[in-house]
């Protein structure tokens, strides 16, 4: 039997790439960002990989922890 990887949502992938890019620019490890945003590191990893769909409260916590706006996290994310 062949197992196919699930198709990832383009919106979640774009959002996750933004989080990872900004985190890297700020020189934060996933552990550091997760701690600052009060999230589990594995949950943050899932967001960055586009396999988790964070709620608005989590998005705001990530933005605050990174010192950016929600708009910056959502740049280029199209529905």
PDB file of N, CA and C in Angstrom:
ATOM      1  N   UNK A   1       0.841  -1.173   0.000  1.00  0.00           N
ATOM      2  CA  UNK A   1       0.000   0.000   0.000  1.00  0.00           C
ATOM      3  C   UNK A   1       0.891   1.244   0.000  1.00  0.00           C
ATOM      4  N   UNK A   2       0.540   2.210  -0.821  1.00  0.00           N
ATOM      5  CA  UNK A   2       1.291   3.461  -0.911  1.00  0.00           C
ATOM      6  C   UNK A   2       0.615   4.495  -0.020  1.00  0.00           C
ATOM      7  N   UNK A   3       1.408   5.131   0.829  1.00  0.00           N
ATOM      8  CA  UNK A   3       0.874   6.191   1.697  1.00  0.00           C
ATOM      9  C   UNK A   3       1.247   7.530   1.098  1.00  0.00           C
ATOM     10  N   UNK A   4       0.260   8.347   0.893  1.00  0.00           N
ATOM     11  CA  UNK A   4       0.488   9.678   0.356  1.00  0.00           C
ATOM     12  C   UNK A   4       0.526  10.684   1.492  1.00  0.00           C
ATOM     13  N   UNK A   5       1.379  11.682   1.325  1.00  0.00           N
ATOM     14  CA  UNK A   5       1.424  12.767   2.301  1.00  0.00           C
ATOM     15  C   UNK A   5       0.143  13.583   2.148  1.00  0.00           C
ATOM     16  N   UNK A   6      -0.432  14.030   3.257  1.00  0.00           N
ATOM     17  CA  UNK A   6      -1.642  14.845   3.141  1.00  0.00           C
ATOM     18  C   UNK A   6      -1.331  16.171   2.449  1.00  0.00           C
ATOM     19  N   UNK A   7      -2.286  16.640   1.676  1.00  0.00           N
ATOM     20  CA  UNK A   7      -2.125  17.929   1.009  1.00  0.00           C
ATOM     21  C   UNK A   7      -2.241  19.014   2.072  1.00  0.00           C
ATOM     22  N   UNK A   8      -1.251  19.869   2.128  1.00  0.00           N
ATOM     23  CA  UNK A   8      -1.260  20.931   3.125  1.00  0.00           C
ATOM     24  C   UNK A   8      -1.955  22.165   2.575  1.00  0.00           C
ATOM     25  N   UNK A   9      -2.651  22.832   3.424  1.00  0.00           N
ATOM     26  CA  UNK A   9      -3.390  24.031   3.075  1.00  0.00           C
ATOM     27  C   UNK A   9      -2.423  25.157   2.732  1.00  0.00           C
ATOM     28  N   UNK A  10      -2.620  25.805   1.579  1.00  0.00           N
ATOM     29  CA  UNK A  10      -1.721  26.879   1.137  1.00  0.00           C
ATOM     30  C   UNK A  10      -1.682  28.040   2.125  1.00  0.00           C
ATOM     31  N   UNK A  11      -2.816  28.336   2.725  1.00  0.00           N
ATOM     32  CA  UNK A  11      -2.872  29.437   3.689  1.00  0.00           C
ATOM     33  C   UNK A  11      -2.015  29.124   4.910  1.00  0.00           C
ATOM     34  N   UNK A  12      -2.164  27.903   5.438  1.00  0.00           N
ATOM     35  CA  UNK A  12      -1.389  27.521   6.617  1.00  0.00           C
ATOM     36  C   UNK A  12       0.099  27.449   6.300  1.00  0.00           C
ATOM     37  N   UNK A  13       0.440  26.977   5.104  1.00  0.00           N
ATOM     38  CA  UNK A  13       1.852  26.933   4.705  1.00  0.00           C
ATOM     39  C   UNK A  13       2.445  28.333   4.623  1.00  0.00           C
ATOM     40  N   UNK A  14       1.719  29.261   4.005  1.00  0.00           N
ATOM     41  CA  UNK A  14       2.223  30.639   3.872  1.00  0.00           C
ATOM     42  C   UNK A  14       2.374  31.293   5.243  1.00  0.00           C
ATOM     43  N   UNK A  15       1.387  31.096   6.110  1.00  0.00           N
ATOM     44  CA  UNK A  15       1.470  31.660   7.457  1.00  0.00           C
ATOM     45  C   UNK A  15       2.662  31.072   8.209  1.00  0.00           C
ATOM     46  N   UNK A  16       2.807  29.762   8.147  1.00  0.00           N
ATOM     47  CA  UNK A  16       3.909  29.095   8.835  1.00  0.00           C
ATOM     48  C   UNK A  16       5.270  29.538   8.342  1.00  0.00           C
ATOM     49  N   UNK A  17       5.387  29.738   7.031  1.00  0.00           N
ATOM     50  CA  UNK A  17       6.663  30.232   6.473  1.00  0.00           C
ATOM     51  C   UNK A  17       6.967  31.628   7.000  1.00  0.00           C
ATOM     52  N   UNK A  18       5.937  32.472   7.111  1.00  0.00           N
ATOM     53  CA  UNK A  18       6.152  33.816   7.656  1.00  0.00           C
ATOM     54  C   UNK A  18       6.639  33.756   9.099  1.00  0.00           C
ATOM     55  N   UNK A  19       6.007  32.906   9.903  1.00  0.00           N
ATOM     56  CA  UNK A  19       6.418  32.775  11.304  1.00  0.00           C
ATOM     57  C   UNK A  19       7.876  32.322  11.366  1.00  0.00           C
ATOM     58  N   UNK A  20       8.218  31.299  10.599  1.00  0.00           N
ATOM     59  CA  UNK A  20       9.590  30.773  10.622  1.00  0.00           C
ATOM     60  C   UNK A  20      10.595  31.815  10.131  1.00  0.00           C
ATOM     61  N   UNK A  21      10.247  32.560   9.074  1.00  0.00           N
ATOM     62  CA  UNK A  21      11.150  33.561   8.527  1.00  0.00           C
ATOM     63  C   UNK A  21      11.408  34.677   9.534  1.00  0.00           C
ATOM     64  N   UNK A  22      10.334  35.187  10.123  1.00  0.00           N
ATOM     65  CA  UNK A  22      10.486  36.281  11.093  1.00  0.00           C
ATOM     66  C   UNK A  22      11.229  35.785  12.329  1.00  0.00           C
ATOM     67  N   UNK A  23      10.911  34.574  12.773  1.00  0.00           N
ATOM     68  CA  UNK A  23      11.604  34.003  13.937  1.00  0.00           C
ATOM     69  C   UNK A  23      13.101  33.931  13.671  1.00  0.00           C
ATOM     70  N   UNK A  24      13.463  33.480  12.474  1.00  0.00           N
ATOM     71  CA  UNK A  24      14.876  33.362  12.108  1.00  0.00           C
ATOM     72  C   UNK A  24      15.536  34.736  12.025  1.00  0.00           C
ATOM     73  N   UNK A  25      14.821  35.706  11.429  1.00  0.00           N
ATOM     74  CA  UNK A  25      15.355  37.073  11.347  1.00  0.00           C
ATOM     75  C   UNK A  25      15.617  37.653  12.733  1.00  0.00           C
ATOM     76  N   UNK A  26      14.756  37.311  13.693  1.00  0.00           N
ATOM     77  CA  UNK A  26      14.910  37.802  15.063  1.00  0.00           C
ATOM     78  C   UNK A  26      15.926  36.976  15.856  1.00  0.00           C
ATOM     79  N   UNK A  27      16.455  35.936  15.203  1.00  0.00           N
ATOM     80  CA  UNK A  27      17.430  35.028  15.810  1.00  0.00           C
ATOM     81  C   UNK A  27      16.862  34.314  17.036  1.00  0.00           C
ATOM     82  N   UNK A  28      15.597  33.930  16.928  1.00  0.00           N
ATOM     83  CA  UNK A  28      14.946  33.138  17.977  1.00  0.00           C
ATOM     84  C   UNK A  28      14.979  31.676  17.563  1.00  0.00           C
ATOM     85  N   UNK A  29      15.260  30.806  18.507  1.00  0.00           N
ATOM     86  CA  UNK A  29      15.063  29.380  18.270  1.00  0.00           C
ATOM     87  C   UNK A  29      13.566  29.097  18.425  1.00  0.00           C
ATOM     88  N   UNK A  30      13.136  27.931  17.982  1.00  0.00           N
ATOM     89  CA  UNK A  30      11.742  27.557  18.214  1.00  0.00           C
ATOM     90  C   UNK A  30      11.456  27.497  19.708  1.00  0.00           C
ATOM     91  N   UNK A  31      12.409  27.006  20.466  1.00  0.00           N
ATOM     92  CA  UNK A  31      12.228  26.935  21.920  1.00  0.00           C
ATOM     93  C   UNK A  31      12.012  28.316  22.526  1.00  0.00           C
ATOM     94  N   UNK A  32      12.827  29.288  22.107  1.00  0.00           N
ATOM     95  CA  UNK A  32      12.720  30.636  22.661  1.00  0.00           C
ATOM     96  C   UNK A  32      11.377  31.276  22.301  1.00  0.00           C
ATOM     97  N   UNK A  33      10.964  31.148  21.030  1.00  0.00           N
ATOM     98  CA  UNK A  33       9.688  31.720  20.627  1.00  0.00           C
ATOM     99  C   UNK A  33       8.539  31.023  21.339  1.00  0.00           C
ATOM    100  N   UNK A  34       8.592  29.718  21.423  1.00  0.00           N
ATOM    101  CA  UNK A  34       7.527  28.970  22.099  1.00  0.00           C
ATOM    102  C   UNK A  34       7.396  29.422  23.550  1.00  0.00           C
ATOM    103  N   UNK A  35       8.524  29.611  24.209  1.00  0.00           N
ATOM    104  CA  UNK A  35       8.500  30.062  25.603  1.00  0.00           C
ATOM    105  C   UNK A  35       7.898  31.467  25.707  1.00  0.00           C
ATOM    106  N   UNK A  36       8.341  32.379  24.840  1.00  0.00           N
ATOM    107  CA  UNK A  36       7.840  33.753  24.883  1.00  0.00           C
ATOM    108  C   UNK A  36       6.350  33.837  24.563  1.00  0.00           C
ATOM    109  N   UNK A  37       5.865  32.932  23.695  1.00  0.00           N
ATOM    110  CA  UNK A  37       4.458  32.944  23.296  1.00  0.00           C
ATOM    111  C   UNK A  37       3.614  32.013  24.167  1.00  0.00           C
ATOM    112  N   UNK A  38       4.247  31.350  25.137  1.00  0.00           N
ATOM    113  CA  UNK A  38       3.573  30.400  26.020  1.00  0.00           C
ATOM    114  C   UNK A  38       2.891  29.281  25.224  1.00  0.00           C
ATOM    115  N   UNK A  39       3.688  28.680  24.312  1.00  0.00           N
ATOM    116  CA  UNK A  39       3.219  27.569  23.484  1.00  0.00           C
ATOM    117  C   UNK A  39       4.179  26.397  23.638  1.00  0.00           C
ATOM    118  N   UNK A  40       3.698  25.221  23.348  1.00  0.00           N
ATOM    119  CA  UNK A  40       4.576  24.052  23.300  1.00  0.00           C
ATOM    120  C   UNK A  40       5.406  24.142  22.014  1.00  0.00           C
ATOM    121  N   UNK A  41       6.680  23.790  22.091  1.00  0.00           N
ATOM    122  CA  UNK A  41       7.548  23.881  20.924  1.00  0.00           C
ATOM    123  C   UNK A  41       7.051  23.009  19.778  1.00  0.00           C
ATOM    124  N   UNK A  42       6.511  21.845  20.079  1.00  0.00           N
ATOM    125  CA  UNK A  42       6.031  20.972  19.009  1.00  0.00           C
ATOM    126  C   UNK A  42       4.807  21.564  18.318  1.00  0.00           C
ATOM    127  N   UNK A  43       3.993  22.301  19.057  1.00  0.00           N
ATOM    128  CA  UNK A  43       2.843  22.984  18.458  1.00  0.00           C
ATOM    129  C   UNK A  43       3.328  24.088  17.528  1.00  0.00           C
ATOM    130  N   UNK A  44       4.311  24.863  17.973  1.00  0.00           N
ATOM    131  CA  UNK A  44       4.893  25.912  17.143  1.00  0.00           C
ATOM    132  C   UNK A  44       5.515  25.307  15.886  1.00  0.00           C
ATOM    133  N   UNK A  45       6.199  24.203  16.029  1.00  0.00           N
ATOM    134  CA  UNK A  45       6.777  23.516  14.875  1.00  0.00           C
ATOM    135  C   UNK A  45       5.689  23.141  13.870  1.00  0.00           C
ATOM    136  N   UNK A  46       4.565  22.660  14.368  1.00  0.00           N
ATOM    137  CA  UNK A  46       3.450  22.309  13.492  1.00  0.00           C
ATOM    138  C   UNK A  46       2.892  23.520  12.755  1.00  0.00           C
ATOM    139  N   UNK A  47       2.856  24.650  13.433  1.00  0.00           N
ATOM    140  CA  UNK A  47       2.404  25.888  12.784  1.00  0.00           C
ATOM    141  C   UNK A  47       3.365  26.248  11.660  1.00  0.00           C
ATOM    142  N   UNK A  48       4.652  26.207  11.948  1.00  0.00           N
ATOM    143  CA  UNK A  48       5.656  26.571  10.945  1.00  0.00           C
ATOM    144  C   UNK A  48       5.644  25.618   9.751  1.00  0.00           C
ATOM    145  N   UNK A  49       5.300  24.358   9.974  1.00  0.00           N
ATOM    146  CA  UNK A  49       5.238  23.379   8.880  1.00  0.00           C
ATOM    147  C   UNK A  49       3.903  23.396   8.144  1.00  0.00           C
ATOM    148  N   UNK A  50       2.949  24.182   8.640  1.00  0.00           N
ATOM    149  CA  UNK A  50       1.657  24.281   7.976  1.00  0.00           C
ATOM    150  C   UNK A  50       0.710  23.143   8.261  1.00  0.00           C
ATOM    151  N   UNK A  51       0.945  22.422   9.360  1.00  0.00           N
ATOM    152  CA  UNK A  51       0.062  21.303   9.701  1.00  0.00           C
ATOM    153  C   UNK A  51      -0.862  21.635  10.878  1.00  0.00           C
ATOM    154  N   UNK A  52      -0.671  22.773  11.482  1.00  0.00           N
ATOM    155  CA  UNK A  52      -1.547  23.239  12.570  1.00  0.00           C
ATOM    156  C   UNK A  52      -2.270  24.498  12.129  1.00  0.00           C
ATOM    157  N   UNK A  53      -3.510  24.634  12.563  1.00  0.00           N
ATOM    158  CA  UNK A  53      -4.325  25.801  12.242  1.00  0.00           C
ATOM    159  C   UNK A  53      -4.555  26.573  13.541  1.00  0.00           C
ATOM    160  N   UNK A  54      -3.670  27.550  13.835  1.00  0.00           N
ATOM    161  CA  UNK A  54      -3.779  28.257  15.111  1.00  0.00           C
ATOM    162  C   UNK A  54      -4.977  29.197  15.137  1.00  0.00           C
ATOM    163  N   UNK A  55      -5.568  29.326  16.304  1.00  0.00           N
ATOM    164  CA  UNK A  55      -6.651  30.277  16.501  1.00  0.00           C
ATOM    165  C   UNK A  55      -6.103  31.690  16.606  1.00  0.00           C
ATOM    166  N   UNK A  56      -6.999  32.652  16.572  1.00  0.00           N
ATOM    167  CA  UNK A  56      -6.585  34.056  16.573  1.00  0.00           C
ATOM    168  C   UNK A  56      -5.817  34.430  17.841  1.00  0.00           C
ATOM    169  N   UNK A  57      -6.172  33.847  18.975  1.00  0.00           N
ATOM    170  CA  UNK A  57      -5.444  34.160  20.210  1.00  0.00           C
ATOM    171  C   UNK A  57      -3.994  33.698  20.126  1.00  0.00           C
ATOM    172  N   UNK A  58      -3.770  32.550  19.522  1.00  0.00           N
ATOM    173  CA  UNK A  58      -2.400  32.041  19.360  1.00  0.00           C
ATOM    174  C   UNK A  58      -1.636  32.916  18.372  1.00  0.00           C
ATOM    175  N   UNK A  59      -2.290  33.322  17.290  1.00  0.00           N
ATOM    176  CA  UNK A  59      -1.646  34.187  16.306  1.00  0.00           C
ATOM    177  C   UNK A  59      -1.204  35.492  16.980  1.00  0.00           C
ATOM    178  N   UNK A  60      -2.062  36.059  17.808  1.00  0.00           N
ATOM    179  CA  UNK A  60      -1.725  37.294  18.510  1.00  0.00           C
ATOM    180  C   UNK A  60      -0.566  37.070  19.482  1.00  0.00           C
ATOM    181  N   UNK A  61      -0.553  35.947  20.182  1.00  0.00           N
ATOM    182  CA  UNK A  61       0.556  35.654  21.105  1.00  0.00           C
ATOM    183  C   UNK A  61       1.874  35.523  20.358  1.00  0.00           C
ATOM    184  N   UNK A  62       1.842  34.885  19.194  1.00  0.00           N
ATOM    185  CA  UNK A  62       3.063  34.743  18.389  1.00  0.00           C
ATOM    186  C   UNK A  62       3.534  36.120  17.920  1.00  0.00           C
ATOM    187  N   UNK A  63       2.602  36.934  17.427  1.00  0.00           N
ATOM    188  CA  UNK A  63       2.961  38.279  16.959  1.00  0.00           C
ATOM    189  C   UNK A  63       3.589  39.087  18.089  1.00  0.00           C
ATOM    190  N   UNK A  64       2.978  39.068  19.251  1.00  0.00           N
ATOM    191  CA  UNK A  64       3.524  39.825  20.394  1.00  0.00           C
ATOM    192  C   UNK A  64       4.906  39.315  20.783  1.00  0.00           C
ATOM    193  N   UNK A  65       5.072  37.998  20.803  1.00  0.00           N
ATOM    194  CA  UNK A  65       6.362  37.409  21.185  1.00  0.00           C
ATOM    195  C   UNK A  65       7.457  37.796  20.191  1.00  0.00           C
ATOM    196  N   UNK A  66       7.089  37.932  18.919  1.00  0.00           N
ATOM    197  CA  UNK A  66       8.058  38.310  17.891  1.00  0.00           C
ATOM    198  C   UNK A  66       8.222  39.826  17.775  1.00  0.00           C
ATOM    199  N   UNK A  67       7.317  40.587  18.397  1.00  0.00           N
ATOM    200  CA  UNK A  67       7.380  42.039  18.306  1.00  0.00           C
ATOM    201  C   UNK A  67       6.957  42.558  16.942  1.00  0.00           C
ATOM    202  N   UNK A  68       5.997  41.865  16.317  1.00  0.00           N
ATOM    203  CA  UNK A  68       5.485  42.279  15.008  1.00  0.00           C
ATOM    204  C   UNK A  68       3.963  42.350  15.068  1.00  0.00           C
ATOM    205  N   UNK A  69       3.363  42.845  13.993  1.00  0.00           N
ATOM    206  CA  UNK A  69       1.908  42.897  13.928  1.00  0.00           C
ATOM    207  C   UNK A  69       1.361  41.597  13.335  1.00  0.00           C
ATOM    208  N   UNK A  70       0.103  41.350  13.583  1.00  0.00           N
ATOM    209  CA  UNK A  70      -0.568  40.204  12.979  1.00  0.00           C
ATOM    210  C   UNK A  70      -0.520  40.359  11.464  1.00  0.00           C
ATOM    211  N   UNK A  71      -0.643  41.579  10.983  1.00  0.00           N
ATOM    212  CA  UNK A  71      -0.575  41.849   9.546  1.00  0.00           C
ATOM    213  C   UNK A  71       0.751  41.360   8.968  1.00  0.00           C
ATOM    214  N   UNK A  72       1.836  41.576   9.683  1.00  0.00           N
ATOM    215  CA  UNK A  72       3.139  41.121   9.194  1.00  0.00           C
ATOM    216  C   UNK A  72       3.207  39.603   9.133  1.00  0.00           C
ATOM    217  N   UNK A  73       2.591  38.937  10.091  1.00  0.00           N
ATOM    218  CA  UNK A  73       2.570  37.471  10.073  1.00  0.00           C
ATOM    219  C   UNK A  73       1.738  36.937   8.910  1.00  0.00           C
ATOM    220  N   UNK A  74       0.750  37.721   8.498  1.00  0.00           N
ATOM    221  CA  UNK A  74      -0.177  37.278   7.445  1.00  0.00           C
ATOM    222  C   UNK A  74       0.184  37.812   6.066  1.00  0.00           C
ATOM    223  N   UNK A  75       1.301  38.477   5.946  1.00  0.00           N
ATOM    224  CA  UNK A  75       1.698  39.053   4.659  1.00  0.00           C
ATOM    225  C   UNK A  75       1.799  37.950   3.594  1.00  0.00           C
ATOM    226  N   UNK A  76       1.103  38.169   2.474  1.00  0.00           N
ATOM    227  CA  UNK A  76       1.154  37.198   1.377  1.00  0.00           C
ATOM    228  C   UNK A  76       0.272  35.988   1.570  1.00  0.00           C
ATOM    229  N   UNK A  77      -0.475  35.950   2.658  1.00  0.00           N
ATOM    230  CA  UNK A  77      -1.385  34.833   2.912  1.00  0.00           C
ATOM    231  C   UNK A  77      -2.712  35.188   2.239  1.00  0.00           C
ATOM    232  N   UNK A  78      -3.035  34.464   1.182  1.00  0.00           N
ATOM    233  CA  UNK A  78      -4.271  34.713   0.446  1.00  0.00           C
ATOM    234  C   UNK A  78      -5.238  33.561   0.620  1.00  0.00           C
ATOM    235  N   UNK A  79      -6.519  33.923   0.674  1.00  0.00           N
ATOM    236  CA  UNK A  79      -7.543  32.878   0.809  1.00  0.00           C
ATOM    237  C   UNK A  79      -7.910  32.314  -0.538  1.00  0.00           C
TER     238      UNK A  79
END
